[in-house]
Amino acid sequence: MRNAFAAEGNLSQDTIMAFGGYTHLDVTSWGNMYETKNLSTDLYPVLSNRKPRGIYREQALTKPNGLYWKDGLMWADGTSLYFNGELVGTVTDTEKKFAGMGAYIIIFPDKKIFSTEDKSLKNMEVTWTGQVSFTTSSIVFPSSVTPSELGFDQYDGVTISGSQYDQNNTTPIIYEIRDSDYELAESAGEDEKANSFYFTPNIFHEESNVTITIKREVPDMDYIVESDNRIWGCKDHEIYASALGAPSCWNRFEGISQDSYAVTVGSESTFTGAGVELGYVIFFKEDTFHKIYGTKPSNFSAMPSTLRGVAAGSDKSVEVVDEVLWYLSKDGIMAYGGATPESVAGAFGEKHFENGVGGGIDGKYYISMQDEADEWGLYAYDIDRQLWMHEDGTHALFMASSGRALYYIDAADNKIKTISGDSAETVEWEAEFGDICDGTPAFKSVVRLYLNLWLDEGATCTVSLRYQSDGEWEEALTVTGDETRRTRIVPIYTRRYTQIALKLSGTGNFKLFGMTRVLEPSTELGSR
């Protein structure tokens, strides 16, 4: 039984007018929340529910294999590739990695390139086999072959095989593609024939009527990004870059600034992801950064640093939002602004996550990830206010941001959705505050609570209390919004305990402008 000694004049109170975020710790400060559901910082310092989600495509995908935005939304469904809802080609039934360069979308592991302008889908690798003749500087095709229609490009580095002469089985660069109507200068020599690929003088051994294979090869890569008009990629311990402005050209090595690039790194383990921060390409391993320095292949270097990198399986968490690179490491969410990655995972306490999928919109980093209990959750980090919110249990397979919308594929139904939209969703929300204790060594009991609350018409808010941390939640009252849509002061009368937890839950739109607790001193013996 409580032995109170305080008169009404001894009561004290304090009010919180700026609400914090998700803080999953045993001790949270007044105004922060141990657990949240579908809350938002959009109206900060006011606490409110998130916006309804949107549905971009009602028809469910059969087997989602990738999602990407570049001048429109691209996705892979099984072996079908779509762009803005239109079927544009066939791909392998594998998970895709995308990168954008100019008007092109690069697609791996298929090694295909899609033009957002003419909607064409082409192979980056090209192979041709047939009978040719060699001059000392050219490969001459029969009259039935039009060289410009074979799929090769000027300045491609191609691999030639099939000749009896080792000198001809090489990887030269095509300097000119000459069809039969190609006009040679009057001074052209016998070597410089039309209907041919022209290379450099005196690189071949002359040979006639030989069957060879010409191939433009592209390396296998697990992760790809674009930077400074090149596609960069990595696999195992290898790092590659395409020729400048030529995403399909990976074997151009002339010693010039437009060359391709390749290097083997000696750090342990394999790559786990890739990203670009402030113009620098970064290839991640779990405990290592390989940051690319330099301006051209002759001075490129992949400098290693022992830093917390991307966790294995979380390459899709890498995203640039507000000029900062965000990703999931083994130690939680990291923010990398160019110096040393900093953890922003303090709000998660002892919880650990894996398999992160991230995206960004409106100054927020969103990440869907899986905890130790195999439960999925969607979390939003407000970058300016440095606040987390746990939204719900959404398992996003892929995310893609257009700058105006953040798209994701929901594993629950394989539909393409948006983080915010105009759907008719009635948002169910919850705010579980930590124990409402005084935070001082003196014992004080909570006498009353007041909520400064706004509810949309038909929206509800249920107030529940828990006395002591091992107690059960007890429903105290439910408030329903009416047509007046007015702000109201909601009093909550409590049993006198020094340790009380508060939970608000409801449906529909709400705003919590403030919350007041009234405290009363009590003796140590008499407090509960």
Foldseek 3Di string as FASTA:
>chain_A
DFDFDDDPVQKDKDKDQAAFAAFCDQDDDPRYFNAKAQWDCPVTRWIWGHFDWFFPDPDFAQAWQAWADDVFIWTDRQQFIDTNRHTLGGFHRHRWAWEDFDQWIAIPPRQWIAGVPVSHIGHLKFKDKDWWWADQFKTADPLVDFQVPRPDDAQAFKAKDFDPDPLRRGTFGFHDRFGQPRDDDPPDDPNDHGRIGGTDGRSDDTGHTTIMMIMRDDDRFDHWYDFQQWIWGFWFQKIWIAFRVRHSHGPRDDPDQRHIAMDGDDDDDGWAAWDAAPRWTWTDDQQKIQIWDDRGRVPTGRDIDGAGTADHLWRQLWEADPRWTWHQHQVGIWTHNDDHIDHLCSSVPPWTWHNWHWDDEDQKIWIWTATPVRFIWIKIARNVSSHIYTHGRWDFPYWYDPRHWIWTQTPVRNGIMTPHDDDPDWGKIKGKHFWPADPDPFFKWWFKKKWFKFFDAQKKKWKWKAADPPGDIHTQDMDGHHPVRDTDIDMTGDDTANTMIMMIIIIHIMITSMMMTMIHGGDPVSHD
